[in-house]
Amino acid sequence: MSVLTLRGISQEFGGLRALDGIDLDIEAGEIFGIIGPNGAGKTTLFNILTGIYYATEGEYYFKDQVMKRVPPFRVARMGIARTY
């Protein structure tokens, strides 16, 4: 069972497409890393997952719940958070 599922996640800033159709499934108990060079969209993806940004396209599910436009404080209460 997937704990986190992303389907077609895309993000645009003006004319710049930072993420383009990201699909991802993370299963319970799985350890997963996001790597890439500067400017690859890693922080943008985390900002979408934590509710800081709302994806331009696509949607994601956390424990089978649609996370469309969920504000950051609710995302944190559900157990998705980041640290700096």
N, C-alpha and C. Protein backbone atom coordinates (compact mmCIF):
# COMPACT_ATOMS: atom_id res chain seq x y z
N MET A 1 0.84 -1.19 0.00
CA MET A 1 0.00 0.00 0.00
C MET A 1 0.88 1.24 0.00
N SER A 2 0.59 2.16 -0.90
CA SER A 2 1.34 3.41 -0.97
C SER A 2 0.93 4.35 0.15
N VAL A 3 1.93 4.92 0.79
CA VAL A 3 1.69 5.96 1.79
C VAL A 3 1.62 7.31 1.09
N LEU A 4 2.44 7.47 0.07
CA LEU A 4 2.48 8.72 -0.68
C LEU A 4 2.44 8.39 -2.17
N THR A 5 1.50 9.00 -2.89
CA THR A 5 1.36 8.79 -4.33
C THR A 5 1.28 10.14 -5.02
N LEU A 6 2.11 10.35 -6.02
CA LEU A 6 2.08 11.56 -6.84
C LEU A 6 1.70 11.18 -8.25
N ARG A 7 0.80 11.93 -8.85
CA ARG A 7 0.36 11.67 -10.21
C ARG A 7 0.37 12.97 -11.02
N GLY A 8 1.29 13.03 -11.97
CA GLY A 8 1.33 14.15 -12.91
C GLY A 8 1.63 15.49 -12.29
N ILE A 9 2.42 15.53 -11.21
CA ILE A 9 2.73 16.79 -10.53
C ILE A 9 3.60 17.66 -11.43
N SER A 10 3.11 18.86 -11.73
CA SER A 10 3.86 19.86 -12.50
C SER A 10 3.74 21.19 -11.80
N GLN A 11 4.79 22.01 -11.95
CA GLN A 11 4.78 23.33 -11.34
C GLN A 11 5.41 24.32 -12.30
N GLU A 12 4.71 25.41 -12.53
CA GLU A 12 5.21 26.48 -13.38
C GLU A 12 5.32 27.77 -12.59
N PHE A 13 6.38 28.50 -12.86
CA PHE A 13 6.58 29.84 -12.31
C PHE A 13 6.71 30.78 -13.50
N GLY A 14 5.63 31.47 -13.84
CA GLY A 14 5.66 32.29 -15.05
C GLY A 14 5.82 31.38 -16.25
N GLY A 15 6.87 31.57 -17.03
CA GLY A 15 7.13 30.72 -18.20
C GLY A 15 8.06 29.56 -17.90
N LEU A 16 8.52 29.42 -16.66
CA LEU A 16 9.47 28.36 -16.30
C LEU A 16 8.74 27.16 -15.72
N ARG A 17 8.95 25.99 -16.29
CA ARG A 17 8.34 24.75 -15.79
C ARG A 17 9.37 24.06 -14.91
N ALA A 18 9.20 24.19 -13.60
CA ALA A 18 10.15 23.63 -12.64
C ALA A 18 9.98 22.13 -12.45
N LEU A 19 8.75 21.63 -12.51
CA LEU A 19 8.45 20.19 -12.42
C LEU A 19 7.53 19.84 -13.58
N ASP A 20 7.73 18.66 -14.16
CA ASP A 20 6.96 18.29 -15.34
C ASP A 20 6.48 16.85 -15.23
N GLY A 21 5.26 16.66 -14.76
CA GLY A 21 4.61 15.35 -14.76
C GLY A 21 5.26 14.31 -13.86
N ILE A 22 5.53 14.66 -12.62
CA ILE A 22 6.17 13.75 -11.68
C ILE A 22 5.16 12.71 -11.19
N ASP A 23 5.50 11.43 -11.36
CA ASP A 23 4.74 10.31 -10.82
C ASP A 23 5.64 9.58 -9.83
N LEU A 24 5.09 9.21 -8.68
CA LEU A 24 5.89 8.58 -7.63
C LEU A 24 4.98 7.81 -6.69
N ASP A 25 5.44 6.66 -6.25
CA ASP A 25 4.74 5.88 -5.22
C ASP A 25 5.76 5.51 -4.15
N ILE A 26 5.46 5.82 -2.91
CA ILE A 26 6.30 5.43 -1.79
C ILE A 26 5.47 4.52 -0.88
N GLU A 27 5.97 3.32 -0.68
CA GLU A 27 5.27 2.32 0.12
C GLU A 27 5.59 2.49 1.61
N ALA A 28 4.73 1.98 2.45
CA ALA A 28 4.94 2.00 3.91
C ALA A 28 6.27 1.30 4.23
N GLY A 29 7.08 1.91 5.07
CA GLY A 29 8.35 1.34 5.50
C GLY A 29 9.50 1.57 4.55
N GLU A 30 9.23 2.17 3.41
CA GLU A 30 10.27 2.42 2.41
C GLU A 30 11.03 3.70 2.75
N ILE A 31 12.32 3.70 2.54
CA ILE A 31 13.15 4.89 2.69
C ILE A 31 13.45 5.39 1.29
N PHE A 32 13.19 6.66 1.06
CA PHE A 32 13.25 7.20 -0.29
C PHE A 32 14.01 8.51 -0.26
N GLY A 33 14.87 8.74 -1.22
CA GLY A 33 15.63 10.00 -1.32
C GLY A 33 15.36 10.70 -2.63
N ILE A 34 15.43 12.01 -2.62
CA ILE A 34 15.31 12.83 -3.82
C ILE A 34 16.67 13.51 -4.01
N ILE A 35 17.32 13.21 -5.14
CA ILE A 35 18.62 13.81 -5.41
C ILE A 35 18.60 14.47 -6.78
N GLY A 36 19.51 15.40 -6.97
CA GLY A 36 19.65 16.07 -8.26
C GLY A 36 20.45 17.34 -8.10
N PRO A 37 20.87 17.91 -9.20
CA PRO A 37 21.68 19.13 -9.15
C PRO A 37 20.85 20.35 -8.73
N ASN A 38 21.54 21.44 -8.45
CA ASN A 38 20.86 22.69 -8.15
C ASN A 38 19.92 23.04 -9.30
N GLY A 39 18.73 23.47 -8.95
CA GLY A 39 17.76 23.86 -9.97
C GLY A 39 16.95 22.72 -10.55
N ALA A 40 17.10 21.51 -10.00
CA ALA A 40 16.38 20.35 -10.54
C ALA A 40 14.93 20.28 -10.09
N GLY A 41 14.54 21.03 -9.06
CA GLY A 41 13.15 21.04 -8.60
C GLY A 41 12.92 20.31 -7.29
N LYS A 42 13.98 19.92 -6.59
CA LYS A 42 13.82 19.17 -5.32
C LYS A 42 13.06 20.00 -4.29
N THR A 43 13.47 21.22 -4.07
CA THR A 43 12.81 22.08 -3.08
C THR A 43 11.39 22.40 -3.51
N THR A 44 11.18 22.62 -4.79
CA THR A 44 9.83 22.87 -5.30
C THR A 44 8.93 21.68 -4.99
N LEU A 45 9.42 20.47 -5.20
CA LEU A 45 8.62 19.28 -4.89
C LEU A 45 8.28 19.22 -3.41
N PHE A 46 9.26 19.46 -2.54
CA PHE A 46 8.99 19.45 -1.10
C PHE A 46 8.02 20.56 -0.71
N ASN A 47 8.11 21.71 -1.34
CA ASN A 47 7.16 22.79 -1.05
C ASN A 47 5.74 22.42 -1.45
N ILE A 48 5.58 21.66 -2.50
CA ILE A 48 4.25 21.17 -2.88
C ILE A 48 3.76 20.15 -1.86
N LEU A 49 4.62 19.20 -1.48
CA LEU A 49 4.22 18.16 -0.53
C LEU A 49 3.84 18.72 0.83
N THR A 50 4.44 19.84 1.22
CA THR A 50 4.15 20.42 2.53
C THR A 50 3.10 21.53 2.48
N GLY A 51 2.54 21.80 1.30
CA GLY A 51 1.47 22.78 1.19
C GLY A 51 1.92 24.21 1.04
N ILE A 52 3.22 24.45 0.90
CA ILE A 52 3.71 25.82 0.70
C ILE A 52 3.31 26.31 -0.69
N TYR A 53 3.45 25.43 -1.70
CA TYR A 53 2.98 25.70 -3.06
C TYR A 53 1.86 24.72 -3.37
N TYR A 54 0.99 25.12 -4.27
CA TYR A 54 -0.01 24.21 -4.83
C TYR A 54 0.42 23.89 -6.25
N ALA A 55 0.43 22.63 -6.61
CA ALA A 55 0.87 22.20 -7.94
C ALA A 55 0.03 22.85 -9.03
N THR A 56 0.69 23.23 -10.11
CA THR A 56 0.00 23.78 -11.28
C THR A 56 -0.87 22.70 -11.92
N GLU A 57 -0.34 21.48 -11.96
CA GLU A 57 -1.07 20.33 -12.52
C GLU A 57 -0.83 19.11 -11.65
N GLY A 58 -1.75 18.15 -11.75
CA GLY A 58 -1.60 16.88 -11.04
C GLY A 58 -2.13 16.95 -9.62
N GLU A 59 -1.98 15.83 -8.94
CA GLU A 59 -2.42 15.76 -7.55
C GLU A 59 -1.61 14.70 -6.83
N TYR A 60 -1.68 14.77 -5.50
CA TYR A 60 -1.01 13.73 -4.73
C TYR A 60 -1.90 13.29 -3.59
N TYR A 61 -1.60 12.08 -3.12
CA TYR A 61 -2.40 11.43 -2.09
C TYR A 61 -1.47 11.02 -0.95
N PHE A 62 -1.89 11.27 0.26
CA PHE A 62 -1.18 10.82 1.44
C PHE A 62 -2.13 9.91 2.21
N LYS A 63 -1.74 8.66 2.35
CA LYS A 63 -2.59 7.65 3.00
C LYS A 63 -3.99 7.65 2.38
N ASP A 64 -4.04 7.63 1.06
CA ASP A 64 -5.27 7.58 0.26
C ASP A 64 -6.16 8.81 0.37
N GLN A 65 -5.67 9.89 0.95
CA GLN A 65 -6.45 11.12 1.02
C GLN A 65 -5.90 12.11 -0.01
N VAL A 66 -6.79 12.67 -0.83
CA VAL A 66 -6.38 13.66 -1.82
C VAL A 66 -5.89 14.91 -1.09
N MET A 67 -4.71 15.38 -1.49
CA MET A 67 -4.09 16.53 -0.83
C MET A 67 -4.15 17.76 -1.73
N LYS A 68 -5.31 18.05 -2.27
CA LYS A 68 -5.48 19.19 -3.17
C LYS A 68 -5.77 20.45 -2.36
N ARG A 69 -4.86 21.39 -2.41
CA ARG A 69 -4.99 22.70 -1.74
C ARG A 69 -5.19 22.58 -0.23
N VAL A 70 -4.49 21.63 0.38
CA VAL A 70 -4.52 21.51 1.84
C VAL A 70 -3.51 22.49 2.41
N PRO A 71 -3.91 23.38 3.34
CA PRO A 71 -2.98 24.37 3.87
C PRO A 71 -1.85 23.72 4.68
N PRO A 72 -0.69 24.39 4.76
CA PRO A 72 0.48 23.82 5.42
C PRO A 72 0.25 23.33 6.85
N PHE A 73 -0.55 24.04 7.64
CA PHE A 73 -0.75 23.61 9.03
C PHE A 73 -1.49 22.28 9.10
N ARG A 74 -2.40 22.05 8.16
CA ARG A 74 -3.12 20.76 8.12
C ARG A 74 -2.22 19.65 7.61
N VAL A 75 -1.38 19.96 6.63
CA VAL A 75 -0.43 18.98 6.12
C VAL A 75 0.49 18.54 7.26
N ALA A 76 0.98 19.48 8.06
CA ALA A 76 1.85 19.15 9.19
C ALA A 76 1.13 18.29 10.22
N ARG A 77 -0.12 18.58 10.50
CA ARG A 77 -0.90 17.79 11.44
C ARG A 77 -1.09 16.35 10.96
N MET A 78 -1.09 16.17 9.64
CA MET A 78 -1.24 14.83 9.07
C MET A 78 0.07 14.03 9.13
N GLY A 79 1.19 14.74 9.37
CA GLY A 79 2.47 14.05 9.49
C GLY A 79 3.48 14.32 8.41
N ILE A 80 3.20 15.27 7.53
CA ILE A 80 4.17 15.65 6.50
C ILE A 80 4.77 16.99 6.90
N ALA A 81 6.07 17.01 7.09
CA ALA A 81 6.75 18.24 7.49
C ALA A 81 8.16 18.24 6.94
N ARG A 82 8.79 19.37 6.97
CA ARG A 82 10.18 19.49 6.55
C ARG A 82 10.96 20.26 7.59
N THR A 83 12.25 20.11 7.53
CA THR A 83 13.13 20.86 8.41
C THR A 83 14.21 21.51 7.58
N TYR A 84 14.73 22.60 8.06
CA TYR A 84 15.77 23.32 7.32
C TYR A 84 17.12 23.05 7.94
